[in-house]
Structure formats: C-alpha cells, structure tokens
N, C-alpha and C. Protein backbone atom coordinates (compact mmCIF):
# COMPACT_ATOMS: atom_id res chain seq x y z
N MET A 1 -21.01 -23.00 7.86
CA MET A 1 -20.16 -21.90 7.46
C MET A 1 -18.75 -22.09 8.00
N GLY A 2 -18.63 -22.62 9.20
CA GLY A 2 -17.30 -22.81 9.78
C GLY A 2 -16.61 -24.00 9.16
N GLY A 3 -15.39 -24.21 9.55
CA GLY A 3 -14.65 -25.36 9.06
C GLY A 3 -13.23 -24.97 8.72
N SER A 4 -12.53 -25.93 8.15
CA SER A 4 -11.12 -25.68 7.84
C SER A 4 -10.98 -24.80 6.60
N LEU A 5 -9.90 -24.05 6.58
CA LEU A 5 -9.58 -23.22 5.42
C LEU A 5 -8.58 -23.99 4.58
N ARG A 6 -8.92 -24.19 3.33
CA ARG A 6 -8.01 -24.91 2.45
C ARG A 6 -7.24 -23.91 1.60
N SER A 7 -5.95 -24.06 1.59
CA SER A 7 -5.16 -23.18 0.74
C SER A 7 -5.34 -23.63 -0.70
N SER A 8 -5.23 -22.70 -1.59
CA SER A 8 -5.31 -22.99 -3.01
C SER A 8 -3.89 -23.28 -3.47
N GLY A 9 -3.50 -24.56 -3.41
CA GLY A 9 -2.13 -24.97 -3.68
C GLY A 9 -1.53 -24.38 -4.94
N ALA A 10 -2.24 -24.50 -6.05
CA ALA A 10 -1.71 -23.98 -7.31
C ALA A 10 -1.54 -22.46 -7.24
N TRP A 11 -2.52 -21.77 -6.67
CA TRP A 11 -2.42 -20.31 -6.54
C TRP A 11 -1.30 -19.93 -5.58
N GLY A 12 -1.08 -20.73 -4.56
CA GLY A 12 0.01 -20.48 -3.63
C GLY A 12 1.35 -20.51 -4.34
N GLU A 13 1.51 -21.49 -5.22
CA GLU A 13 2.75 -21.59 -6.00
C GLU A 13 2.90 -20.42 -6.96
N VAL A 14 1.79 -20.04 -7.60
CA VAL A 14 1.81 -18.90 -8.52
C VAL A 14 2.18 -17.62 -7.77
N ALA A 15 1.53 -17.40 -6.62
CA ALA A 15 1.78 -16.19 -5.83
C ALA A 15 3.23 -16.12 -5.37
N LEU A 16 3.72 -17.21 -4.80
CA LEU A 16 5.11 -17.21 -4.33
C LEU A 16 6.08 -17.06 -5.49
N GLY A 17 5.78 -17.69 -6.62
CA GLY A 17 6.64 -17.56 -7.80
C GLY A 17 6.73 -16.11 -8.26
N TYR A 18 5.59 -15.43 -8.30
CA TYR A 18 5.56 -14.02 -8.71
C TYR A 18 6.33 -13.17 -7.71
N LEU A 19 6.05 -13.37 -6.43
CA LEU A 19 6.71 -12.57 -5.40
C LEU A 19 8.22 -12.83 -5.37
N ARG A 20 8.63 -14.06 -5.63
CA ARG A 20 10.05 -14.40 -5.65
C ARG A 20 10.72 -13.70 -6.84
N GLU A 21 10.10 -13.80 -8.01
CA GLU A 21 10.69 -13.21 -9.22
C GLU A 21 10.67 -11.69 -9.19
N ARG A 22 9.55 -11.10 -8.80
CA ARG A 22 9.40 -9.65 -8.88
C ARG A 22 10.02 -8.92 -7.69
N PHE A 23 9.87 -9.47 -6.48
CA PHE A 23 10.27 -8.76 -5.28
C PHE A 23 11.35 -9.47 -4.45
N GLY A 24 11.80 -10.64 -4.89
CA GLY A 24 12.86 -11.34 -4.18
C GLY A 24 12.41 -11.96 -2.86
N ILE A 25 11.12 -12.19 -2.71
CA ILE A 25 10.58 -12.79 -1.47
C ILE A 25 10.70 -14.31 -1.58
N GLU A 26 11.33 -14.92 -0.60
CA GLU A 26 11.60 -16.35 -0.64
C GLU A 26 10.57 -17.21 0.09
N GLU A 27 9.84 -16.62 1.03
CA GLU A 27 8.91 -17.42 1.83
C GLU A 27 7.73 -16.56 2.26
N LEU A 28 6.56 -17.17 2.35
CA LEU A 28 5.37 -16.47 2.82
C LEU A 28 5.04 -16.92 4.24
N PRO A 29 4.63 -15.98 5.10
CA PRO A 29 4.31 -16.32 6.49
C PRO A 29 2.88 -16.81 6.67
N GLY A 30 2.45 -17.72 5.83
CA GLY A 30 1.09 -18.23 5.90
C GLY A 30 0.77 -18.98 4.62
N LYS A 31 -0.51 -19.21 4.40
CA LYS A 31 -0.92 -19.92 3.19
C LYS A 31 -1.77 -18.99 2.32
N VAL A 32 -1.78 -19.28 1.04
CA VAL A 32 -2.50 -18.45 0.07
C VAL A 32 -3.87 -19.07 -0.20
N ILE A 33 -4.89 -18.23 -0.13
CA ILE A 33 -6.27 -18.65 -0.34
C ILE A 33 -6.88 -17.78 -1.43
N GLU A 34 -7.57 -18.42 -2.38
CA GLU A 34 -8.26 -17.68 -3.43
C GLU A 34 -9.67 -17.37 -2.95
N ARG A 35 -10.02 -16.08 -3.03
CA ARG A 35 -11.34 -15.67 -2.57
C ARG A 35 -11.61 -14.24 -3.05
N ALA A 36 -12.84 -13.96 -3.43
CA ALA A 36 -13.29 -12.60 -3.77
C ALA A 36 -12.36 -11.94 -4.79
N ARG A 37 -12.15 -12.59 -5.90
CA ARG A 37 -11.32 -12.05 -7.00
C ARG A 37 -9.92 -11.64 -6.53
N GLY A 38 -9.39 -12.41 -5.59
CA GLY A 38 -8.06 -12.09 -5.11
C GLY A 38 -7.39 -13.28 -4.46
N LEU A 39 -6.13 -13.09 -4.17
CA LEU A 39 -5.36 -14.07 -3.41
C LEU A 39 -5.02 -13.45 -2.07
N TRP A 40 -5.31 -14.19 -1.01
CA TRP A 40 -5.17 -13.69 0.35
C TRP A 40 -4.13 -14.52 1.09
N LEU A 41 -3.41 -13.88 1.99
CA LEU A 41 -2.46 -14.56 2.86
C LEU A 41 -3.13 -14.73 4.21
N ALA A 42 -3.24 -15.98 4.65
CA ALA A 42 -3.92 -16.27 5.92
C ALA A 42 -3.07 -17.19 6.78
N THR A 43 -3.21 -17.06 8.08
CA THR A 43 -2.51 -17.95 9.00
C THR A 43 -3.47 -18.83 9.78
N ALA A 44 -4.76 -18.52 9.70
CA ALA A 44 -5.77 -19.32 10.42
C ALA A 44 -5.93 -20.68 9.75
N ASP A 45 -6.18 -21.72 10.56
CA ASP A 45 -6.42 -23.05 10.03
C ASP A 45 -7.90 -23.38 9.90
N PHE A 46 -8.74 -22.65 10.66
CA PHE A 46 -10.17 -22.93 10.61
C PHE A 46 -10.96 -21.68 10.98
N LEU A 47 -12.24 -21.72 10.68
CA LEU A 47 -13.17 -20.66 11.05
C LEU A 47 -14.17 -21.23 12.04
N PRO A 48 -14.45 -20.52 13.11
CA PRO A 48 -15.45 -21.01 14.07
C PRO A 48 -16.85 -21.03 13.43
N GLU A 49 -17.67 -21.94 13.88
CA GLU A 49 -19.05 -22.04 13.40
C GLU A 49 -19.80 -20.74 13.65
N GLY A 50 -20.62 -20.31 12.70
CA GLY A 50 -21.50 -19.17 12.88
C GLY A 50 -20.83 -17.81 12.79
N VAL A 51 -19.58 -17.76 12.38
CA VAL A 51 -18.88 -16.49 12.28
C VAL A 51 -18.92 -16.02 10.82
N LYS A 52 -19.46 -14.83 10.62
CA LYS A 52 -19.49 -14.26 9.28
C LYS A 52 -18.12 -13.63 9.01
N VAL A 53 -17.49 -14.05 7.94
CA VAL A 53 -16.14 -13.61 7.64
C VAL A 53 -16.14 -12.62 6.48
N HIS A 54 -15.56 -11.46 6.73
CA HIS A 54 -15.42 -10.46 5.66
C HIS A 54 -14.17 -10.76 4.84
N SER A 55 -13.08 -11.05 5.51
CA SER A 55 -11.86 -11.44 4.81
C SER A 55 -11.14 -12.50 5.64
N VAL A 56 -10.28 -13.24 4.98
CA VAL A 56 -9.61 -14.34 5.66
C VAL A 56 -8.15 -14.04 5.96
N GLY A 57 -7.74 -12.84 5.73
CA GLY A 57 -6.35 -12.48 5.96
C GLY A 57 -6.05 -11.14 5.30
N VAL A 58 -4.88 -11.06 4.72
CA VAL A 58 -4.45 -9.84 4.03
C VAL A 58 -4.39 -10.14 2.54
N ARG A 59 -4.99 -9.27 1.75
CA ARG A 59 -4.97 -9.48 0.30
C ARG A 59 -3.56 -9.31 -0.23
N LEU A 60 -3.08 -10.32 -0.94
CA LEU A 60 -1.77 -10.26 -1.59
C LEU A 60 -1.88 -9.76 -3.02
N PHE A 61 -2.92 -10.23 -3.74
CA PHE A 61 -3.08 -9.89 -5.15
C PHE A 61 -4.54 -9.71 -5.50
N TYR A 62 -4.77 -8.87 -6.47
CA TYR A 62 -6.06 -8.79 -7.16
C TYR A 62 -5.93 -9.66 -8.40
N LEU A 63 -6.96 -10.43 -8.71
CA LEU A 63 -6.96 -11.24 -9.92
C LEU A 63 -7.66 -10.47 -11.03
N HIS A 64 -6.95 -10.21 -12.11
CA HIS A 64 -7.48 -9.50 -13.26
C HIS A 64 -7.33 -10.36 -14.50
N ASP A 65 -8.03 -9.99 -15.55
CA ASP A 65 -7.86 -10.67 -16.83
C ASP A 65 -6.40 -10.57 -17.29
N ARG A 66 -5.75 -9.46 -16.94
CA ARG A 66 -4.37 -9.21 -17.35
C ARG A 66 -3.37 -9.97 -16.48
N GLY A 67 -3.83 -10.57 -15.41
CA GLY A 67 -2.93 -11.31 -14.52
C GLY A 67 -3.05 -10.84 -13.08
N LEU A 68 -1.95 -10.93 -12.35
CA LEU A 68 -1.93 -10.56 -10.94
C LEU A 68 -1.50 -9.11 -10.77
N LYS A 69 -2.17 -8.42 -9.85
CA LYS A 69 -1.76 -7.07 -9.45
C LYS A 69 -1.51 -7.11 -7.95
N PRO A 70 -0.28 -6.78 -7.53
CA PRO A 70 0.01 -6.80 -6.10
C PRO A 70 -0.88 -5.82 -5.33
N ALA A 71 -1.32 -6.24 -4.16
CA ALA A 71 -2.13 -5.39 -3.29
C ALA A 71 -1.21 -4.61 -2.35
N SER A 72 -1.54 -3.35 -2.12
CA SER A 72 -0.70 -2.49 -1.28
C SER A 72 -0.52 -3.02 0.14
N PHE A 73 -1.61 -3.49 0.77
CA PHE A 73 -1.49 -3.99 2.14
C PHE A 73 -0.62 -5.25 2.18
N GLY A 74 -0.73 -6.09 1.16
CA GLY A 74 0.11 -7.28 1.09
C GLY A 74 1.59 -6.91 0.99
N LEU A 75 1.91 -5.94 0.14
CA LEU A 75 3.30 -5.50 0.02
C LEU A 75 3.78 -4.87 1.32
N SER A 76 2.92 -4.10 1.97
CA SER A 76 3.30 -3.49 3.25
C SER A 76 3.60 -4.56 4.30
N LEU A 77 2.76 -5.59 4.35
CA LEU A 77 2.96 -6.68 5.30
C LEU A 77 4.29 -7.40 5.04
N LEU A 78 4.62 -7.59 3.78
CA LEU A 78 5.83 -8.32 3.41
C LEU A 78 7.04 -7.41 3.27
N GLY A 79 6.88 -6.14 3.62
CA GLY A 79 7.88 -5.11 3.37
C GLY A 79 9.31 -5.47 3.70
N LYS A 80 9.57 -6.03 4.89
CA LYS A 80 10.94 -6.35 5.30
C LYS A 80 11.54 -7.46 4.44
N ALA A 81 10.70 -8.31 3.84
CA ALA A 81 11.19 -9.41 3.01
C ALA A 81 11.43 -9.01 1.56
N ILE A 82 10.96 -7.84 1.17
CA ILE A 82 11.12 -7.39 -0.22
C ILE A 82 12.57 -6.99 -0.45
N ALA A 83 13.19 -7.67 -1.41
CA ALA A 83 14.62 -7.47 -1.66
C ALA A 83 14.90 -6.69 -2.94
N LYS A 84 13.92 -6.59 -3.83
CA LYS A 84 14.18 -5.88 -5.09
C LYS A 84 12.90 -5.22 -5.60
N ASN A 85 13.09 -4.37 -6.60
CA ASN A 85 12.00 -3.61 -7.21
C ASN A 85 11.27 -2.74 -6.20
N LYS A 86 12.08 -2.08 -5.37
CA LYS A 86 11.58 -1.08 -4.42
C LYS A 86 11.96 0.29 -4.97
N VAL A 87 11.06 1.24 -4.84
CA VAL A 87 11.34 2.61 -5.28
C VAL A 87 11.13 3.54 -4.08
N GLU A 88 12.21 4.14 -3.63
CA GLU A 88 12.17 5.08 -2.51
C GLU A 88 11.65 6.43 -3.01
N VAL A 89 10.73 7.03 -2.28
CA VAL A 89 10.21 8.34 -2.64
C VAL A 89 10.43 9.32 -1.50
N LYS A 90 10.60 10.58 -1.86
CA LYS A 90 10.72 11.66 -0.88
C LYS A 90 9.32 12.14 -0.52
N LEU A 91 9.23 12.94 0.52
CA LEU A 91 7.93 13.41 1.00
C LEU A 91 7.16 14.15 -0.09
N GLU A 92 7.83 15.03 -0.82
CA GLU A 92 7.16 15.80 -1.88
C GLU A 92 6.64 14.87 -2.99
N GLU A 93 7.42 13.84 -3.31
CA GLU A 93 7.00 12.87 -4.33
C GLU A 93 5.83 12.05 -3.82
N LEU A 94 5.89 11.65 -2.57
CA LEU A 94 4.80 10.88 -1.97
C LEU A 94 3.49 11.65 -2.04
N GLU A 95 3.54 12.93 -1.69
CA GLU A 95 2.33 13.74 -1.74
C GLU A 95 1.75 13.79 -3.15
N LYS A 96 2.59 13.99 -4.13
CA LYS A 96 2.12 14.01 -5.53
C LYS A 96 1.48 12.68 -5.91
N LEU A 97 2.14 11.59 -5.56
CA LEU A 97 1.60 10.27 -5.89
C LEU A 97 0.25 10.04 -5.23
N LEU A 98 0.12 10.43 -3.97
CA LEU A 98 -1.14 10.23 -3.25
C LEU A 98 -2.25 11.10 -3.80
N LEU A 99 -1.88 12.20 -4.45
CA LEU A 99 -2.88 13.08 -5.09
C LEU A 99 -3.20 12.64 -6.51
N GLY A 100 -2.65 11.49 -6.93
CA GLY A 100 -2.97 10.93 -8.25
C GLY A 100 -2.06 11.39 -9.36
N GLN A 101 -1.01 12.09 -9.04
CA GLN A 101 -0.06 12.56 -10.05
C GLN A 101 1.05 11.52 -10.23
N THR A 102 1.81 11.68 -11.31
CA THR A 102 2.96 10.82 -11.53
C THR A 102 4.22 11.57 -11.16
N VAL A 103 5.29 10.80 -10.94
CA VAL A 103 6.58 11.36 -10.56
C VAL A 103 7.63 10.74 -11.48
N LYS A 104 8.55 11.54 -11.96
CA LYS A 104 9.64 11.04 -12.80
C LYS A 104 10.62 10.25 -11.93
N LYS A 105 10.92 9.03 -12.35
CA LYS A 105 11.89 8.17 -11.67
C LYS A 105 12.73 7.45 -12.73
N PRO A 106 13.65 8.19 -13.38
CA PRO A 106 14.50 7.55 -14.39
C PRO A 106 15.30 6.39 -13.78
N GLY A 107 15.36 5.30 -14.50
CA GLY A 107 16.12 4.14 -14.02
C GLY A 107 15.34 3.21 -13.11
N ALA A 108 14.12 3.57 -12.74
CA ALA A 108 13.31 2.70 -11.89
C ALA A 108 12.88 1.47 -12.70
N PRO A 109 12.75 0.32 -12.05
CA PRO A 109 12.36 -0.90 -12.76
C PRO A 109 10.93 -0.80 -13.31
N GLU A 110 10.75 -1.20 -14.54
CA GLU A 110 9.45 -1.17 -15.21
C GLU A 110 8.49 -2.15 -14.54
N GLY A 111 7.21 -1.80 -14.44
CA GLY A 111 6.19 -2.69 -13.89
C GLY A 111 5.84 -2.34 -12.45
N TYR A 112 5.25 -3.30 -11.76
CA TYR A 112 4.84 -3.08 -10.38
C TYR A 112 6.06 -3.02 -9.46
N VAL A 113 6.02 -2.07 -8.52
CA VAL A 113 7.12 -1.86 -7.58
C VAL A 113 6.53 -1.65 -6.18
N ALA A 114 7.39 -1.83 -5.19
CA ALA A 114 7.01 -1.51 -3.82
C ALA A 114 7.40 -0.06 -3.56
N LEU A 115 6.42 0.79 -3.21
CA LEU A 115 6.70 2.19 -2.88
C LEU A 115 7.24 2.24 -1.46
N VAL A 116 8.37 2.91 -1.30
CA VAL A 116 9.04 2.97 0.00
C VAL A 116 9.22 4.42 0.41
N TYR A 117 8.83 4.72 1.64
CA TYR A 117 9.06 6.05 2.21
C TYR A 117 9.77 5.86 3.54
N ARG A 118 10.92 6.47 3.67
CA ARG A 118 11.74 6.39 4.88
C ARG A 118 11.94 4.95 5.36
N GLY A 119 12.19 4.05 4.40
CA GLY A 119 12.49 2.66 4.73
C GLY A 119 11.30 1.75 4.89
N ASP A 120 10.07 2.29 4.89
CA ASP A 120 8.87 1.48 5.05
C ASP A 120 8.12 1.35 3.73
N VAL A 121 7.68 0.13 3.42
CA VAL A 121 6.85 -0.08 2.23
C VAL A 121 5.46 0.43 2.56
N ILE A 122 4.99 1.40 1.76
CA ILE A 122 3.67 1.97 2.03
C ILE A 122 2.61 1.52 1.03
N GLY A 123 3.04 0.80 -0.02
CA GLY A 123 2.05 0.32 -0.97
C GLY A 123 2.66 -0.05 -2.30
N CYS A 124 1.77 -0.23 -3.25
CA CYS A 124 2.14 -0.66 -4.59
C CYS A 124 2.22 0.55 -5.52
N GLY A 125 3.23 0.54 -6.37
CA GLY A 125 3.37 1.54 -7.40
C GLY A 125 3.55 0.87 -8.74
N LYS A 126 3.52 1.67 -9.79
CA LYS A 126 3.73 1.12 -11.13
C LYS A 126 4.60 2.08 -11.91
N VAL A 127 5.61 1.54 -12.56
CA VAL A 127 6.51 2.34 -13.38
C VAL A 127 6.26 2.00 -14.84
N LYS A 128 6.04 3.04 -15.63
CA LYS A 128 5.90 2.90 -17.08
C LYS A 128 6.77 3.97 -17.70
N GLY A 129 7.79 3.53 -18.46
CA GLY A 129 8.78 4.48 -18.95
C GLY A 129 9.57 4.96 -17.75
N ASP A 130 9.62 6.25 -17.55
CA ASP A 130 10.27 6.76 -16.33
C ASP A 130 9.27 7.44 -15.40
N GLU A 131 7.98 7.11 -15.59
CA GLU A 131 6.91 7.69 -14.78
C GLU A 131 6.43 6.69 -13.73
N LEU A 132 6.43 7.13 -12.49
CA LEU A 132 5.95 6.32 -11.37
C LEU A 132 4.57 6.81 -10.96
N SER A 133 3.64 5.87 -10.78
CA SER A 133 2.31 6.22 -10.27
C SER A 133 2.01 5.31 -9.08
N ALA A 134 1.11 5.76 -8.22
CA ALA A 134 0.70 4.97 -7.05
C ALA A 134 -0.46 4.08 -7.44
N GLU A 135 -0.41 2.84 -7.02
CA GLU A 135 -1.50 1.88 -7.22
C GLU A 135 -2.11 1.58 -5.86
N ILE A 136 -2.47 2.64 -5.16
CA ILE A 136 -2.99 2.55 -3.79
C ILE A 136 -4.45 2.98 -3.83
N SER A 137 -5.30 2.30 -3.09
CA SER A 137 -6.73 2.62 -3.09
C SER A 137 -6.97 4.06 -2.63
N LYS A 138 -8.07 4.62 -3.07
CA LYS A 138 -8.41 6.00 -2.70
C LYS A 138 -8.55 6.15 -1.18
N THR A 139 -9.14 5.16 -0.54
CA THR A 139 -9.32 5.22 0.91
C THR A 139 -7.97 5.27 1.61
N ARG A 140 -7.05 4.40 1.21
CA ARG A 140 -5.73 4.39 1.83
C ARG A 140 -4.96 5.66 1.50
N ARG A 141 -5.14 6.20 0.29
CA ARG A 141 -4.48 7.46 -0.07
C ARG A 141 -4.93 8.58 0.86
N ARG A 142 -6.23 8.62 1.13
CA ARG A 142 -6.76 9.66 2.03
C ARG A 142 -6.17 9.53 3.43
N GLU A 143 -6.05 8.29 3.91
CA GLU A 143 -5.45 8.08 5.23
C GLU A 143 -4.01 8.57 5.27
N LEU A 144 -3.26 8.25 4.23
CA LEU A 144 -1.86 8.67 4.18
C LEU A 144 -1.75 10.19 4.01
N LEU A 145 -2.62 10.76 3.18
CA LEU A 145 -2.61 12.22 3.00
C LEU A 145 -2.91 12.94 4.31
N ALA A 146 -3.80 12.36 5.10
CA ALA A 146 -4.15 12.99 6.38
C ALA A 146 -2.96 13.03 7.33
N ALA A 147 -2.02 12.13 7.17
CA ALA A 147 -0.85 12.08 8.05
C ALA A 147 0.28 13.01 7.58
N LEU A 148 0.21 13.49 6.36
CA LEU A 148 1.32 14.29 5.82
C LEU A 148 1.62 15.59 6.57
N PRO A 149 0.63 16.32 7.09
CA PRO A 149 0.99 17.54 7.82
C PRO A 149 1.90 17.26 9.01
N TRP A 150 1.65 16.15 9.70
CA TRP A 150 2.50 15.79 10.84
C TRP A 150 3.89 15.38 10.36
N GLU A 151 3.94 14.69 9.26
CA GLU A 151 5.23 14.27 8.71
C GLU A 151 6.04 15.49 8.28
N LYS A 152 5.38 16.46 7.68
CA LYS A 152 6.07 17.69 7.26
C LYS A 152 6.62 18.43 8.47
N ARG A 153 5.82 18.50 9.52
CA ARG A 153 6.28 19.18 10.74
C ARG A 153 7.47 18.43 11.34
N ALA A 154 7.41 17.11 11.34
CA ALA A 154 8.51 16.31 11.90
C ALA A 154 9.79 16.54 11.10
N GLN A 155 9.66 16.64 9.78
CA GLN A 155 10.85 16.88 8.96
C GLN A 155 11.45 18.25 9.21
N ARG A 156 10.61 19.22 9.56
CA ARG A 156 11.11 20.56 9.86
C ARG A 156 11.65 20.64 11.29
N GLY A 157 11.52 19.57 12.04
CA GLY A 157 12.01 19.55 13.42
C GLY A 157 11.03 20.14 14.41
N ALA A 158 9.81 20.40 13.98
CA ALA A 158 8.81 20.96 14.88
C ALA A 158 8.27 19.86 15.78
N HIS A 159 7.85 20.24 16.96
CA HIS A 159 7.22 19.28 17.85
C HIS A 159 5.71 19.49 17.81
N HIS A 160 5.00 18.53 18.34
CA HIS A 160 3.53 18.60 18.35
C HIS A 160 3.07 19.80 19.19
N SER A 161 2.08 20.48 18.67
CA SER A 161 1.46 21.56 19.43
C SER A 161 0.01 21.67 19.04
N SER A 162 -0.69 22.51 19.73
CA SER A 162 -2.10 22.70 19.41
C SER A 162 -2.27 23.40 18.06
N ARG A 163 -1.18 23.93 17.51
CA ARG A 163 -1.28 24.61 16.22
C ARG A 163 -1.18 23.65 15.06
N THR A 164 -0.95 22.36 15.34
CA THR A 164 -0.88 21.36 14.29
C THR A 164 -2.28 21.22 13.68
N PRO A 165 -2.38 21.27 12.33
CA PRO A 165 -3.71 21.16 11.72
C PRO A 165 -4.32 19.79 11.94
N SER A 166 -5.61 19.78 12.14
CA SER A 166 -6.29 18.50 12.31
C SER A 166 -6.41 17.84 10.94
N PRO A 167 -6.49 16.50 10.90
CA PRO A 167 -6.62 15.82 9.61
C PRO A 167 -7.85 16.29 8.85
N VAL A 168 -8.96 16.53 9.56
CA VAL A 168 -10.18 16.96 8.89
C VAL A 168 -9.98 18.31 8.23
N LYS A 169 -9.41 19.27 8.96
CA LYS A 169 -9.18 20.58 8.36
C LYS A 169 -8.24 20.47 7.18
N TRP A 170 -7.19 19.66 7.32
CA TRP A 170 -6.22 19.54 6.25
C TRP A 170 -6.85 18.90 5.02
N ARG A 171 -7.67 17.84 5.23
CA ARG A 171 -8.33 17.20 4.10
C ARG A 171 -9.26 18.18 3.40
N LYS A 172 -9.93 19.02 4.15
CA LYS A 172 -10.81 20.00 3.53
C LYS A 172 -10.01 20.90 2.60
N GLY A 173 -8.77 21.18 2.96
CA GLY A 173 -7.91 21.98 2.09
C GLY A 173 -7.67 21.29 0.77
N LEU A 174 -7.59 19.97 0.77
CA LEU A 174 -7.35 19.23 -0.46
C LEU A 174 -8.53 19.30 -1.42
N TRP A 175 -9.73 19.40 -0.88
CA TRP A 175 -10.91 19.38 -1.73
C TRP A 175 -11.47 20.77 -1.99
N GLY A 176 -10.59 21.73 -2.14
CA GLY A 176 -11.00 23.04 -2.60
C GLY A 176 -11.46 24.02 -1.55
N LEU A 177 -11.26 23.75 -0.29
CA LEU A 177 -11.68 24.69 0.73
C LEU A 177 -10.52 25.54 1.24
N GLY A 178 -9.46 25.55 0.47
CA GLY A 178 -8.34 26.41 0.82
C GLY A 178 -7.16 25.68 1.40
N ASP A 179 -6.03 26.31 1.30
CA ASP A 179 -4.78 25.78 1.79
C ASP A 179 -4.72 25.95 3.31
N PRO A 180 -4.39 24.87 4.05
CA PRO A 180 -4.35 24.98 5.51
C PRO A 180 -3.30 25.97 5.98
N GLN A 181 -2.20 26.09 5.27
CA GLN A 181 -1.16 27.07 5.64
C GLN A 181 -1.72 28.49 5.51
N GLU A 182 -2.47 28.73 4.47
CA GLU A 182 -3.06 30.05 4.23
C GLU A 182 -4.09 30.38 5.30
N ARG A 183 -4.92 29.39 5.68
CA ARG A 183 -5.94 29.64 6.71
C ARG A 183 -5.28 29.97 8.04
N ARG A 184 -4.15 29.34 8.35
CA ARG A 184 -3.49 29.56 9.61
C ARG A 184 -2.92 30.98 9.70
N ARG A 185 -2.50 31.54 8.57
CA ARG A 185 -1.90 32.88 8.56
C ARG A 185 -2.93 33.97 8.82
N LYS A 186 -4.20 33.68 8.56
CA LYS A 186 -5.24 34.71 8.67
C LYS A 186 -5.59 35.01 10.10
C-alpha cells in the first residue's frame, strides 16, 4: 500500500492551465494527483507502509462528464494566489448563498468564481446571467452558517458574552425551530 506518489503529469498541466486561465494562478504549491473522481493537490512524496489513506491532499477539482469543477477547499487554499474571477459578497449575501438561495451580481464574470468574504476566499461560486449561487458542500455550508451569529455580532461591534447564541441553538433556528433572536427576547 505504501510507496511513492506519482503525479498525473497530464492532469497537472490541465489543472494548472485551467487555474491560470480562470483564476490567474501561475504556480501550484505541490503536485496534482488524480484520485477518487477528482484532482488533488499534494506535497507528500511517499506514503508510509501500512497507512490507510483517506485523501492525499486537498481536492482541487471534481471530475465530471462536463469537465472540471473547482473544489471550494482548493480555492480557499489557493486564495491569496487568485488574481481574477473573484466575487466579493456582503454578510447578508453570504447568508443567502449558504442557505441555497441566489444573489444578484450584475457584471460578475460568468462561470465558476471564487467567493470572497472580507478578503478571504471561502469557496466556489457559479455565476449564470447575473445570478450568483454557492457551489459549496452542504457540510461546509452548515459550518459557515454556524459561525454567522458571531460574525453578525462582530459587525455590530458587540463583544463576546454569555448571551451569544450557541451554534447548536442557532442551527436549530434554521431548521424550523424558531428564530434565535425571537427566542432570546422571550
């Protein structure tokens, strides 16, 4: 099971070509490996004997019949190197996107984009017409949604206190158990 990891040379060229053209990325900090219906960015040169490997790095792309789809974690990892096709979103827009809604973004570049919030790439988005949607996994959306109450408080200038809603209580509000703001007022 152990041994050296071989990069998929042709896929590496395809991946870098796509990232260069779409996002202005000139160099990758590792090698590209094809595995599990995707392209992964890895820096390891070998795997130790007897180690069961779930993943070999960070997924850069999903391989589909339609072509390559950028992976959110890959875009986040490469965030500082992304020079184009970034779409900045405000907190209210981010919340809508994470809840599966679309947001109007006239003039945004068509196709896959890097979603940016407060200067950080948080994942992959897609623009069709002037509608922006999030291409972020449900699990990652839930994680980001759980952090929004703290982000909202920070934007209002509030400091942390015991009155800050817990992520569990706040998530329960999302799934029909009531608005956390409303529960706090009672």
